[in-house]
C-alpha cells in the first residue's frame, strides 16, 4: 500500500480521498497539509485521515507519496521538495508552470529513484480506452474537434469586481492550463505530437487568458482544440475519418460514445450514467500505484505531459 499525503483541502482533494478508497487498498490517504492547522484538522476529521499538518516538511516525512492539488504556481517547489525527501509525487494538472520546470521534476525524480506523474485523470479511464479502440473503425483520420468550454463558478464574482485567484495571471491558471489541458492531452495521447500548432487567446482586462483555441497540424489530419473558463459550451467532441465519425459527450468524463460509419446505422459504444470525477480519479491513482510498485516512470504519460506543457508555453507566449 502507498501511503499518500494530500496538499490542498478543496473539492478536488475531497474527490481524491473518495478515489483512493476505491483502489482496493493500493493507495491510502494518510495525511493532509494545509496552510492553517485548523483547516487541515477539519479536512482530516471529515475524511477520517490520521495526520493533519500546517508544515509541509513534517507531512512528507511520514508518507510514501504526495498528491499536490495546490495552485499551479506552487506545484514545482512542493513537488521538488517531496522528491528530494524521497517521496513519489502525483501532481494535479497542469503539472508545472513551464516546460523547464516539468523537465526538472522528471529528471530529478529519476535521479532520486522515485516516480512523478501528472494527474490527467481522463486519459486513464476505461471509457477513454473505448475511444482509443474505436479509431480503427473510422478509416484514415482527417479531423478532430475537441471542446471543453466551461463558465467558471467564480467568474460572476470576478465580473462584479472581486479579485479572484482563479483569474489571477500571476498564479499560472490560464484557461489553457486549467481547462484546455483536458482536450489538449486527449489529442496528444490519441494522435501523438503535432508537426506544428497555431492558435488564439481571449484575454480579460487584467491580462488573464479566459478562453482560446489551438489548431494542431498532423499533416494528413488537423485537430481543433477549444477551451474556456468564461463561456459555457455543449462539450461534445468528435473525431472524423474517411469512413466514419466518433462522437463523444465529454472528454473529461465520457459516458456516451457513438460511432457513425458512413452509410450505416449509428452504433453506441458506450452509454452509461454520467461519470463522476472521483470515479475517473480512481484510474489515475491505479496507474500511479502501478508505477510506484514498478519503481519506474511510464514514458507514455511523461511524454504526453511534456508535449502538452511545451505547446502551452509556446501558445501562451504569443
C-alpha atoms as a PDB file:
ATOM      1  CA  UNK A   1       0.000   0.000   0.000  1.00  0.00           C
ATOM      2  CA  UNK A   2       1.190   3.500  -0.873  1.00  0.00           C
ATOM      3  CA  UNK A   3       0.588   5.995   1.943  1.00  0.00           C
ATOM      4  CA  UNK A   4      -0.071   9.352   0.360  1.00  0.00           C
ATOM      5  CA  UNK A   5      -0.230  12.850   1.815  1.00  0.00           C
ATOM      6  CA  UNK A   6      -2.566  15.415   0.262  1.00  0.00           C
ATOM      7  CA  UNK A   7      -1.553  19.017  -0.392  1.00  0.00           C
ATOM      8  CA  UNK A   8      -4.674  21.169  -0.528  1.00  0.00           C
ATOM      9  CA  UNK A   9      -8.130  20.912   1.017  1.00  0.00           C
ATOM     10  CA  UNK A  10     -10.520  21.974  -1.751  1.00  0.00           C
ATOM     11  CA  UNK A  11     -13.184  19.915  -3.505  1.00  0.00           C
ATOM     12  CA  UNK A  12     -10.595  18.190  -5.712  1.00  0.00           C
ATOM     13  CA  UNK A  13      -8.977  16.800  -2.578  1.00  0.00           C
ATOM     14  CA  UNK A  14     -12.411  15.551  -1.482  1.00  0.00           C
ATOM     15  CA  UNK A  15     -12.664  13.643  -4.761  1.00  0.00           C
ATOM     16  CA  UNK A  16      -9.157  12.304  -4.234  1.00  0.00           C
ATOM     17  CA  UNK A  17      -9.955  10.760  -0.862  1.00  0.00           C
ATOM     18  CA  UNK A  18     -13.001   9.024  -2.319  1.00  0.00           C
ATOM     19  CA  UNK A  19     -10.927   7.774  -5.265  1.00  0.00           C
ATOM     20  CA  UNK A  20      -8.148   6.456  -3.016  1.00  0.00           C
ATOM     21  CA  UNK A  21     -10.652   4.397  -1.028  1.00  0.00           C
ATOM     22  CA  UNK A  22     -11.813   2.771  -4.258  1.00  0.00           C
ATOM     23  CA  UNK A  23      -8.349   1.481  -5.268  1.00  0.00           C
ATOM     24  CA  UNK A  24      -8.702  -1.797  -3.381  1.00  0.00           C
ATOM     25  CA  UNK A  25      -6.191  -0.843  -0.707  1.00  0.00           C
ATOM     26  CA  UNK A  26      -3.395   0.119  -3.108  1.00  0.00           C
ATOM     27  CA  UNK A  27      -3.438   3.795  -2.097  1.00  0.00           C
ATOM     28  CA  UNK A  28      -4.289   5.246   1.310  1.00  0.00           C
ATOM     29  CA  UNK A  29      -4.837   8.939   2.012  1.00  0.00           C
ATOM     30  CA  UNK A  30      -2.984   9.063   5.327  1.00  0.00           C
ATOM     31  CA  UNK A  31      -2.180  12.760   5.834  1.00  0.00           C
ATOM     32  CA  UNK A  32      -3.189  16.228   4.707  1.00  0.00           C
ATOM     33  CA  UNK A  33      -1.366  19.552   4.573  1.00  0.00           C
ATOM     34  CA  UNK A  34      -2.988  22.984   4.594  1.00  0.00           C
ATOM     35  CA  UNK A  35      -1.694  26.489   5.200  1.00  0.00           C
ATOM     36  CA  UNK A  36      -3.584  26.535   8.508  1.00  0.00           C
ATOM     37  CA  UNK A  37      -3.662  23.773  11.110  1.00  0.00           C
ATOM     38  CA  UNK A  38      -7.375  24.333  11.715  1.00  0.00           C
ATOM     39  CA  UNK A  39      -8.217  23.747   8.077  1.00  0.00           C
ATOM     40  CA  UNK A  40      -6.005  20.650   7.926  1.00  0.00           C
ATOM     41  CA  UNK A  41      -7.651  19.221  11.038  1.00  0.00           C
ATOM     42  CA  UNK A  42     -11.163  19.942   9.753  1.00  0.00           C
ATOM     43  CA  UNK A  43     -10.430  18.133   6.472  1.00  0.00           C
ATOM     44  CA  UNK A  44      -8.758  15.219   8.250  1.00  0.00           C
ATOM     45  CA  UNK A  45     -11.651  14.802  10.686  1.00  0.00           C
ATOM     46  CA  UNK A  46     -14.228  14.919   7.904  1.00  0.00           C
ATOM     47  CA  UNK A  47     -12.471  12.175   5.966  1.00  0.00           C
ATOM     48  CA  UNK A  48     -11.090  10.062   8.809  1.00  0.00           C
ATOM     49  CA  UNK A  49      -7.454  10.861   7.983  1.00  0.00           C
ATOM     50  CA  UNK A  50      -4.932  10.460  10.787  1.00  0.00           C
ATOM     51  CA  UNK A  51      -2.338  13.138  10.022  1.00  0.00           C
ATOM     52  CA  UNK A  52      -3.095  16.873   9.777  1.00  0.00           C
ATOM     53  CA  UNK A  53      -0.262  19.343   9.200  1.00  0.00           C
ATOM     54  CA  UNK A  54       0.379  23.021   8.538  1.00  0.00           C
ATOM     55  CA  UNK A  55       4.090  22.332   7.950  1.00  0.00           C
ATOM     56  CA  UNK A  56       4.851  20.716   4.601  1.00  0.00           C
ATOM     57  CA  UNK A  57       8.155  19.070   5.522  1.00  0.00           C
ATOM     58  CA  UNK A  58       6.598  17.495   8.609  1.00  0.00           C
ATOM     59  CA  UNK A  59       3.913  15.862   6.487  1.00  0.00           C
ATOM     60  CA  UNK A  60       6.192  14.467   3.791  1.00  0.00           C
ATOM     61  CA  UNK A  61       8.440  12.920   6.429  1.00  0.00           C
ATOM     62  CA  UNK A  62       5.724  10.372   7.265  1.00  0.00           C
ATOM     63  CA  UNK A  63       4.324   9.332   3.863  1.00  0.00           C
ATOM     64  CA  UNK A  64       5.434   7.361   0.808  1.00  0.00           C
ATOM     65  CA  UNK A  65       3.970   9.752  -1.752  1.00  0.00           C
ATOM     66  CA  UNK A  66       2.411  13.180  -2.102  1.00  0.00           C
ATOM     67  CA  UNK A  67      -0.620  14.329  -4.096  1.00  0.00           C
ATOM     68  CA  UNK A  68      -0.315  18.040  -4.914  1.00  0.00           C
ATOM     69  CA  UNK A  69      -3.567  19.924  -5.558  1.00  0.00           C
ATOM     70  CA  UNK A  70      -2.360  23.461  -4.826  1.00  0.00           C
ATOM     71  CA  UNK A  71      -2.374  26.325  -7.394  1.00  0.00           C
ATOM     72  CA  UNK A  72      -0.192  25.606 -10.433  1.00  0.00           C
ATOM     73  CA  UNK A  73       2.418  28.181  -9.398  1.00  0.00           C
ATOM     74  CA  UNK A  74       3.115  26.154  -6.223  1.00  0.00           C
ATOM     75  CA  UNK A  75       3.435  22.760  -7.925  1.00  0.00           C
ATOM     76  CA  UNK A  76       7.128  22.882  -8.778  1.00  0.00           C
ATOM     77  CA  UNK A  77       8.598  23.861  -5.378  1.00  0.00           C
ATOM     78  CA  UNK A  78       6.297  21.494  -3.477  1.00  0.00           C
ATOM     79  CA  UNK A  79       6.913  18.587  -5.852  1.00  0.00           C
ATOM     80  CA  UNK A  80      10.668  19.142  -5.844  1.00  0.00           C
ATOM     81  CA  UNK A  81      10.767  19.224  -2.038  1.00  0.00           C
ATOM     82  CA  UNK A  82       8.839  15.942  -1.922  1.00  0.00           C
ATOM     83  CA  UNK A  83      11.165  14.340  -4.481  1.00  0.00           C
ATOM     84  CA  UNK A  84      14.232  15.420  -2.501  1.00  0.00           C
ATOM     85  CA  UNK A  85      12.657  13.803   0.570  1.00  0.00           C
ATOM     86  CA  UNK A  86      12.344  10.525  -1.331  1.00  0.00           C
ATOM     87  CA  UNK A  87       8.600  10.702  -1.919  1.00  0.00           C
ATOM     88  CA  UNK A  88       6.789   9.708  -5.077  1.00  0.00           C
ATOM     89  CA  UNK A  89       4.694  12.585  -6.429  1.00  0.00           C
ATOM     90  CA  UNK A  90       1.325  12.823  -8.183  1.00  0.00           C
ATOM     91  CA  UNK A  91       0.791  16.420  -9.325  1.00  0.00           C
ATOM     92  CA  UNK A  92      -2.618  17.752 -10.298  1.00  0.00           C
ATOM     93  CA  UNK A  93      -2.868  19.034 -13.866  1.00  0.00           C
ATOM     94  CA  UNK A  94      -1.215  21.087 -15.165  1.00  0.00           C
ATOM     95  CA  UNK A  95       1.987  19.659 -13.712  1.00  0.00           C
ATOM     96  CA  UNK A  96       4.030  22.890 -13.545  1.00  0.00           C
ATOM     97  CA  UNK A  97       4.089  26.477 -14.760  1.00  0.00           C
ATOM     98  CA  UNK A  98       6.627  25.789 -17.530  1.00  0.00           C
ATOM     99  CA  UNK A  99       8.270  23.088 -19.608  1.00  0.00           C
ATOM    100  CA  UNK A 100      11.617  23.743 -17.919  1.00  0.00           C
ATOM    101  CA  UNK A 101      10.056  23.055 -14.517  1.00  0.00           C
ATOM    102  CA  UNK A 102       8.341  19.889 -15.753  1.00  0.00           C
ATOM    103  CA  UNK A 103      11.571  18.576 -17.243  1.00  0.00           C
ATOM    104  CA  UNK A 104      13.334  19.369 -13.984  1.00  0.00           C
ATOM    105  CA  UNK A 105      10.858  17.311 -11.972  1.00  0.00           C
ATOM    106  CA  UNK A 106      11.171  14.246 -14.195  1.00  0.00           C
ATOM    107  CA  UNK A 107      14.962  14.450 -14.280  1.00  0.00           C
ATOM    108  CA  UNK A 108      15.300  14.843 -10.515  1.00  0.00           C
ATOM    109  CA  UNK A 109      12.762  12.089  -9.829  1.00  0.00           C
ATOM    110  CA  UNK A 110      14.773   9.706 -11.985  1.00  0.00           C
ATOM    111  CA  UNK A 111      17.919  10.670 -10.123  1.00  0.00           C
ATOM    112  CA  UNK A 112      16.267  10.070  -6.758  1.00  0.00           C
ATOM    113  CA  UNK A 113      14.638   6.805  -7.855  1.00  0.00           C
ATOM    114  CA  UNK A 114      11.056   7.986  -7.333  1.00  0.00           C
ATOM    115  CA  UNK A 115       8.036   8.407  -9.591  1.00  0.00           C
ATOM    116  CA  UNK A 116       6.461  11.703 -10.633  1.00  0.00           C
ATOM    117  CA  UNK A 117       3.226  11.739 -12.622  1.00  0.00           C
ATOM    118  CA  UNK A 118       0.698  14.334 -13.738  1.00  0.00           C
ATOM    119  CA  UNK A 119      -2.872  13.695 -12.585  1.00  0.00           C
ATOM    120  CA  UNK A 120      -4.501  13.757 -16.025  1.00  0.00           C
ATOM    121  CA  UNK A 121      -7.421  11.654 -14.865  1.00  0.00           C
ATOM    122  CA  UNK A 122      -9.419  11.436 -18.091  1.00  0.00           C
ATOM    123  CA  UNK A 123      -6.845   9.609 -20.231  1.00  0.00           C
ATOM    124  CA  UNK A 124      -6.533   6.730 -17.743  1.00  0.00           C
ATOM    125  CA  UNK A 125     -10.191   5.677 -17.697  1.00  0.00           C
ATOM    126  CA  UNK A 126     -11.727   2.580 -19.327  1.00  0.00           C
ATOM    127  CA  UNK A 127     -14.094   4.956 -21.118  1.00  0.00           C
ATOM    128  CA  UNK A 128     -11.153   6.716 -22.774  1.00  0.00           C
ATOM    129  CA  UNK A 129      -9.809   3.301 -23.781  1.00  0.00           C
ATOM    130  CA  UNK A 130     -13.076   2.829 -25.711  1.00  0.00           C
ATOM    131  CA  UNK A 131     -12.232   5.962 -27.696  1.00  0.00           C
ATOM    132  CA  UNK A 132      -8.733   4.663 -28.472  1.00  0.00           C
ATOM    133  CA  UNK A 133     -10.111   1.299 -29.520  1.00  0.00           C
ATOM    134  CA  UNK A 134     -12.699   2.797 -31.873  1.00  0.00           C
ATOM    135  CA  UNK A 135     -10.305   4.833 -34.020  1.00  0.00           C
ATOM    136  CA  UNK A 136      -9.694   1.900 -36.331  1.00  0.00           C
ATOM    137  CA  UNK A 137     -13.357   1.964 -37.387  1.00  0.00           C
ATOM    138  CA  UNK A 138     -13.055   5.461 -38.846  1.00  0.00           C
ATOM    139  CA  UNK A 139     -10.622   4.798 -41.676  1.00  0.00           C
ATOM    140  CA  UNK A 140      -7.928   7.359 -42.397  1.00  0.00           C
ATOM    141  CA  UNK A 141      -8.274  10.080 -39.761  1.00  0.00           C
ATOM    142  CA  UNK A 142      -8.686  13.575 -41.165  1.00  0.00           C
ATOM    143  CA  UNK A 143     -10.111  15.894 -38.496  1.00  0.00           C
ATOM    144  CA  UNK A 144     -10.998  16.099 -34.823  1.00  0.00           C
ATOM    145  CA  UNK A 145     -12.734  18.797 -32.810  1.00  0.00           C
ATOM    146  CA  UNK A 146     -12.124  18.616 -29.069  1.00  0.00           C
ATOM    147  CA  UNK A 147     -14.051  21.066 -26.922  1.00  0.00           C
ATOM    148  CA  UNK A 148     -14.183  21.977 -23.258  1.00  0.00           C
ATOM    149  CA  UNK A 149     -15.996  25.251 -22.643  1.00  0.00           C
ATOM    150  CA  UNK A 150     -16.934  25.997 -19.051  1.00  0.00           C
ATOM    151  CA  UNK A 151     -18.317  29.036 -17.273  1.00  0.00           C
ATOM    152  CA  UNK A 152     -16.346  29.217 -14.048  1.00  0.00           C
ATOM    153  CA  UNK A 153     -18.367  29.291 -10.828  1.00  0.00           C
ATOM    154  CA  UNK A 154     -16.100  32.188  -9.765  1.00  0.00           C
ATOM    155  CA  UNK A 155     -16.454  34.270 -12.910  1.00  0.00           C
ATOM    156  CA  UNK A 156     -19.554  36.191 -11.791  1.00  0.00           C
ATOM    157  CA  UNK A 157     -17.648  37.437  -8.753  1.00  0.00           C
ATOM    158  CA  UNK A 158     -14.722  38.469 -10.953  1.00  0.00           C
ATOM    159  CA  UNK A 159     -17.105  40.300 -13.286  1.00  0.00           C
ATOM    160  CA  UNK A 160     -18.525  42.111 -10.267  1.00  0.00           C
ATOM    161  CA  UNK A 161     -15.074  43.471  -9.454  1.00  0.00           C
ATOM    162  CA  UNK A 162     -13.779  40.974  -6.901  1.00  0.00           C
ATOM    163  CA  UNK A 163     -10.144  39.963  -7.220  1.00  0.00           C
ATOM    164  CA  UNK A 164     -10.084  36.193  -7.671  1.00  0.00           C
ATOM    165  CA  UNK A 165      -7.143  33.764  -7.604  1.00  0.00           C
ATOM    166  CA  UNK A 166      -8.890  31.774 -10.344  1.00  0.00           C
ATOM    167  CA  UNK A 167      -8.406  34.765 -12.690  1.00  0.00           C
ATOM    168  CA  UNK A 168      -5.016  35.992 -11.487  1.00  0.00           C
ATOM    169  CA  UNK A 169      -2.474  35.739 -14.336  1.00  0.00           C
ATOM    170  CA  UNK A 170       0.377  35.566 -11.809  1.00  0.00           C
ATOM    171  CA  UNK A 171      -0.775  32.184 -10.489  1.00  0.00           C
ATOM    172  CA  UNK A 172      -0.402  30.277 -13.755  1.00  0.00           C
ATOM    173  CA  UNK A 173      -4.073  29.251 -14.023  1.00  0.00           C
ATOM    174  CA  UNK A 174      -4.719  30.374 -17.598  1.00  0.00           C
ATOM    175  CA  UNK A 175      -7.732  28.786 -19.265  1.00  0.00           C
ATOM    176  CA  UNK A 176      -5.414  26.605 -21.368  1.00  0.00           C
ATOM    177  CA  UNK A 177      -3.644  25.368 -18.243  1.00  0.00           C
ATOM    178  CA  UNK A 178      -6.785  24.828 -16.183  1.00  0.00           C
ATOM    179  CA  UNK A 179      -9.342  23.685 -18.782  1.00  0.00           C
ATOM    180  CA  UNK A 180      -7.646  23.345 -22.166  1.00  0.00           C
ATOM    181  CA  UNK A 181      -5.297  20.728 -20.753  1.00  0.00           C
ATOM    182  CA  UNK A 182      -8.122  18.157 -20.982  1.00  0.00           C
ATOM    183  CA  UNK A 183      -8.733  18.318 -24.754  1.00  0.00           C
ATOM    184  CA  UNK A 184      -5.066  19.023 -25.497  1.00  0.00           C
ATOM    185  CA  UNK A 185      -3.761  15.981 -23.631  1.00  0.00           C
ATOM    186  CA  UNK A 186      -6.538  13.841 -25.065  1.00  0.00           C
ATOM    187  CA  UNK A 187      -5.329  14.788 -28.558  1.00  0.00           C
ATOM    188  CA  UNK A 188      -1.691  14.129 -27.684  1.00  0.00           C
ATOM    189  CA  UNK A 189      -2.497  10.741 -26.196  1.00  0.00           C
ATOM    190  CA  UNK A 190      -4.589   9.660 -29.195  1.00  0.00           C
ATOM    191  CA  UNK A 191      -2.589  11.169 -32.053  1.00  0.00           C
ATOM    192  CA  UNK A 192       0.896  11.979 -30.732  1.00  0.00           C
ATOM    193  CA  UNK A 193       2.735  15.266 -31.083  1.00  0.00           C
ATOM    194  CA  UNK A 194       1.701  17.519 -33.984  1.00  0.00           C
ATOM    195  CA  UNK A 195       4.164  18.830 -36.533  1.00  0.00           C
ATOM    196  CA  UNK A 196       3.129  22.381 -35.618  1.00  0.00           C
ATOM    197  CA  UNK A 197       0.372  24.362 -33.934  1.00  0.00           C
ATOM    198  CA  UNK A 198      -1.276  27.752 -34.152  1.00  0.00           C
ATOM    199  CA  UNK A 199      -3.971  29.372 -32.061  1.00  0.00           C
ATOM    200  CA  UNK A 200      -5.534  32.384 -30.412  1.00  0.00           C
ATOM    201  CA  UNK A 201      -6.266  33.504 -26.861  1.00  0.00           C
ATOM    202  CA  UNK A 202      -9.066  35.635 -25.434  1.00  0.00           C
ATOM    203  CA  UNK A 203      -7.644  37.742 -22.621  1.00  0.00           C
ATOM    204  CA  UNK A 204      -9.513  39.620 -19.907  1.00  0.00           C
ATOM    205  CA  UNK A 205      -8.785  43.209 -18.881  1.00  0.00           C
ATOM    206  CA  UNK A 206      -6.122  42.086 -16.377  1.00  0.00           C
ATOM    207  CA  UNK A 207      -4.271  40.013 -18.965  1.00  0.00           C
ATOM    208  CA  UNK A 208      -5.661  36.665 -17.828  1.00  0.00           C
ATOM    209  CA  UNK A 209      -6.343  34.156 -20.610  1.00  0.00           C
ATOM    210  CA  UNK A 210     -10.039  33.382 -20.230  1.00  0.00           C
ATOM    211  CA  UNK A 211     -10.540  31.289 -23.389  1.00  0.00           C
ATOM    212  CA  UNK A 212      -8.783  30.242 -26.548  1.00  0.00           C
ATOM    213  CA  UNK A 213      -8.266  27.742 -29.324  1.00  0.00           C
ATOM    214  CA  UNK A 214      -5.485  25.634 -30.802  1.00  0.00           C
ATOM    215  CA  UNK A 215      -5.137  24.078 -34.235  1.00  0.00           C
ATOM    216  CA  UNK A 216      -2.795  21.088 -34.217  1.00  0.00           C
ATOM    217  CA  UNK A 217      -1.298  20.199 -37.596  1.00  0.00           C
ATOM    218  CA  UNK A 218      -0.585  16.498 -38.202  1.00  0.00           C
ATOM    219  CA  UNK A 219      -0.035  16.832 -41.940  1.00  0.00           C
ATOM    220  CA  UNK A 220      -2.758  14.452 -43.134  1.00  0.00           C
ATOM    221  CA  UNK A 221      -5.005  15.426 -40.220  1.00  0.00           C
ATOM    222  CA  UNK A 222      -5.864  18.533 -38.213  1.00  0.00           C
ATOM    223  CA  UNK A 223      -7.208  18.781 -34.669  1.00  0.00           C
ATOM    224  CA  UNK A 224      -9.075  21.816 -33.330  1.00  0.00           C
ATOM    225  CA  UNK A 225      -8.998  22.349 -29.565  1.00  0.00           C
ATOM    226  CA  UNK A 226     -11.378  24.868 -27.973  1.00  0.00           C
ATOM    227  CA  UNK A 227     -11.421  25.769 -24.270  1.00  0.00           C
ATOM    228  CA  UNK A 228     -12.869  28.391 -21.950  1.00  0.00           C
ATOM    229  CA  UNK A 229     -13.393  29.472 -18.345  1.00  0.00           C
ATOM    230  CA  UNK A 230     -15.746  32.309 -19.316  1.00  0.00           C
ATOM    231  CA  UNK A 231     -18.324  30.736 -21.675  1.00  0.00           C
ATOM    232  CA  UNK A 232     -20.331  27.520 -21.497  1.00  0.00           C
ATOM    233  CA  UNK A 233     -20.478  25.051 -24.379  1.00  0.00           C
ATOM    234  CA  UNK A 234     -22.001  21.659 -25.045  1.00  0.00           C
ATOM    235  CA  UNK A 235     -18.713  19.846 -24.500  1.00  0.00           C
ATOM    236  CA  UNK A 236     -19.365  17.420 -27.362  1.00  0.00           C
ATOM    237  CA  UNK A 237     -16.223  16.345 -29.231  1.00  0.00           C
ATOM    238  CA  UNK A 238     -15.741  14.354 -32.423  1.00  0.00           C
ATOM    239  CA  UNK A 239     -13.141  12.537 -34.493  1.00  0.00           C
ATOM    240  CA  UNK A 240     -13.743  12.190 -38.242  1.00  0.00           C
ATOM    241  CA  UNK A 241     -12.148   9.753 -40.654  1.00  0.00           C
ATOM    242  CA  UNK A 242     -12.805   8.871 -44.260  1.00  0.00           C
ATOM    243  CA  UNK A 243     -15.124   6.024 -43.218  1.00  0.00           C
ATOM    244  CA  UNK A 244     -16.935   7.475 -40.217  1.00  0.00           C
ATOM    245  CA  UNK A 245     -17.138   9.725 -37.176  1.00  0.00           C
ATOM    246  CA  UNK A 246     -16.787   9.165 -33.448  1.00  0.00           C
ATOM    247  CA  UNK A 247     -18.899  11.422 -31.200  1.00  0.00           C
ATOM    248  CA  UNK A 248     -18.023  11.837 -27.508  1.00  0.00           C
ATOM    249  CA  UNK A 249     -20.236  13.616 -24.999  1.00  0.00           C
ATOM    250  CA  UNK A 250     -17.396  14.729 -22.695  1.00  0.00           C
ATOM    251  CA  UNK A 251     -13.637  14.315 -22.850  1.00  0.00           C
ATOM    252  CA  UNK A 252     -13.170  14.756 -19.095  1.00  0.00           C
ATOM    253  CA  UNK A 253     -15.930  12.312 -18.041  1.00  0.00           C
ATOM    254  CA  UNK A 254     -17.021  10.371 -21.147  1.00  0.00           C
ATOM    255  CA  UNK A 255     -20.279   8.486 -20.641  1.00  0.00           C
ATOM    256  CA  UNK A 256     -21.752   8.389 -24.180  1.00  0.00           C
ATOM    257  CA  UNK A 257     -19.669   7.445 -27.199  1.00  0.00           C
ATOM    258  CA  UNK A 258     -21.154   6.760 -30.614  1.00  0.00           C
ATOM    259  CA  UNK A 259     -19.580   5.661 -33.886  1.00  0.00           C
ATOM    260  CA  UNK A 260     -21.288   6.787 -37.088  1.00  0.00           C
ATOM    261  CA  UNK A 261     -19.883   4.919 -40.058  1.00  0.00           C
ATOM    262  CA  UNK A 262     -20.836   6.271 -43.436  1.00  0.00           C
ATOM    263  CA  UNK A 263     -23.966   4.548 -44.766  1.00  0.00           C
ATOM    264  CA  UNK A 264     -24.540   2.531 -41.588  1.00  0.00           C
ATOM    265  CA  UNK A 265     -26.793   2.814 -38.534  1.00  0.00           C
ATOM    266  CA  UNK A 266     -25.011   4.650 -35.689  1.00  0.00           C
ATOM    267  CA  UNK A 267     -23.568   2.317 -33.059  1.00  0.00           C
ATOM    268  CA  UNK A 268     -23.452   3.147 -29.357  1.00  0.00           C
ATOM    269  CA  UNK A 269     -20.098   2.045 -27.961  1.00  0.00           C
ATOM    270  CA  UNK A 270     -20.753   3.428 -24.504  1.00  0.00           C
ATOM    271  CA  UNK A 271     -23.901   4.570 -22.776  1.00  0.00           C
ATOM    272  CA  UNK A 272     -23.703   4.805 -19.007  1.00  0.00           C
ATOM    273  CA  UNK A 273     -24.840   7.146 -16.273  1.00  0.00           C
ATOM    274  CA  UNK A 274     -22.841  10.368 -16.052  1.00  0.00           C
ATOM    275  CA  UNK A 275     -19.388   9.509 -14.757  1.00  0.00           C
ATOM    276  CA  UNK A 276     -18.396  11.304 -11.560  1.00  0.00           C
ATOM    277  CA  UNK A 277     -14.931  12.957 -11.295  1.00  0.00           C
ATOM    278  CA  UNK A 278     -13.955  10.841  -8.274  1.00  0.00           C
ATOM    279  CA  UNK A 279     -14.626   7.727 -10.341  1.00  0.00           C
ATOM    280  CA  UNK A 280     -12.239   8.899 -13.065  1.00  0.00           C
ATOM    281  CA  UNK A 281      -9.562   9.760 -10.478  1.00  0.00           C
ATOM    282  CA  UNK A 282      -9.509   6.155  -9.271  1.00  0.00           C
ATOM    283  CA  UNK A 283      -7.985   5.046 -12.555  1.00  0.00           C
ATOM    284  CA  UNK A 284      -5.201   7.635 -12.498  1.00  0.00           C
ATOM    285  CA  UNK A 285      -4.407   6.513  -8.939  1.00  0.00           C
ATOM    286  CA  UNK A 286      -4.141   2.913 -10.077  1.00  0.00           C
ATOM    287  CA  UNK A 287      -1.804   3.996 -12.912  1.00  0.00           C
ATOM    288  CA  UNK A 288       0.264   5.907 -10.354  1.00  0.00           C
ATOM    289  CA  UNK A 289       0.366   2.910  -7.998  1.00  0.00           C
ATOM    290  CA  UNK A 290       1.474   0.698 -10.899  1.00  0.00           C
ATOM    291  CA  UNK A 291       4.477   2.938 -11.478  1.00  0.00           C
ATOM    292  CA  UNK A 292       5.324   3.223  -7.792  1.00  0.00           C
ATOM    293  CA  UNK A 293       5.279  -0.560  -7.436  1.00  0.00           C
ATOM    294  CA  UNK A 294       7.337  -0.988 -10.625  1.00  0.00           C
ATOM    295  CA  UNK A 295       9.799   1.657  -9.450  1.00  0.00           C
ATOM    296  CA  UNK A 296       9.813   3.417 -12.811  1.00  0.00           C
ATOM    297  CA  UNK A 297       8.059   6.263 -14.619  1.00  0.00           C
ATOM    298  CA  UNK A 298       5.916   5.204 -17.567  1.00  0.00           C
ATOM    299  CA  UNK A 299       7.352   7.129 -20.563  1.00  0.00           C
ATOM    300  CA  UNK A 300       3.944   7.251 -22.240  1.00  0.00           C
ATOM    301  CA  UNK A 301       2.417   9.514 -19.586  1.00  0.00           C
ATOM    302  CA  UNK A 302       5.618  11.528 -19.195  1.00  0.00           C
ATOM    303  CA  UNK A 303       5.735  12.244 -22.928  1.00  0.00           C
ATOM    304  CA  UNK A 304       2.108  13.446 -23.033  1.00  0.00           C
ATOM    305  CA  UNK A 305       2.784  15.744 -20.076  1.00  0.00           C
ATOM    306  CA  UNK A 306       5.932  17.255 -21.571  1.00  0.00           C
ATOM    307  CA  UNK A 307       4.417  17.716 -25.038  1.00  0.00           C
ATOM    308  CA  UNK A 308       1.380  19.473 -23.542  1.00  0.00           C
ATOM    309  CA  UNK A 309       3.490  21.785 -21.398  1.00  0.00           C
ATOM    310  CA  UNK A 310       5.705  22.674 -24.377  1.00  0.00           C
ATOM    311  CA  UNK A 311       2.663  23.588 -26.509  1.00  0.00           C
ATOM    312  CA  UNK A 312       1.198  25.603 -23.625  1.00  0.00           C
ATOM    313  CA  UNK A 313       4.415  27.574 -23.201  1.00  0.00           C
ATOM    314  CA  UNK A 314       4.621  28.349 -26.915  1.00  0.00           C
ATOM    315  CA  UNK A 315       0.928  29.253 -27.205  1.00  0.00           C
ATOM    316  CA  UNK A 316       0.738  31.492 -24.119  1.00  0.00           C
ATOM    317  CA  UNK A 317       3.914  33.332 -25.095  1.00  0.00           C
ATOM    318  CA  UNK A 318       2.306  34.654 -28.307  1.00  0.00           C
END
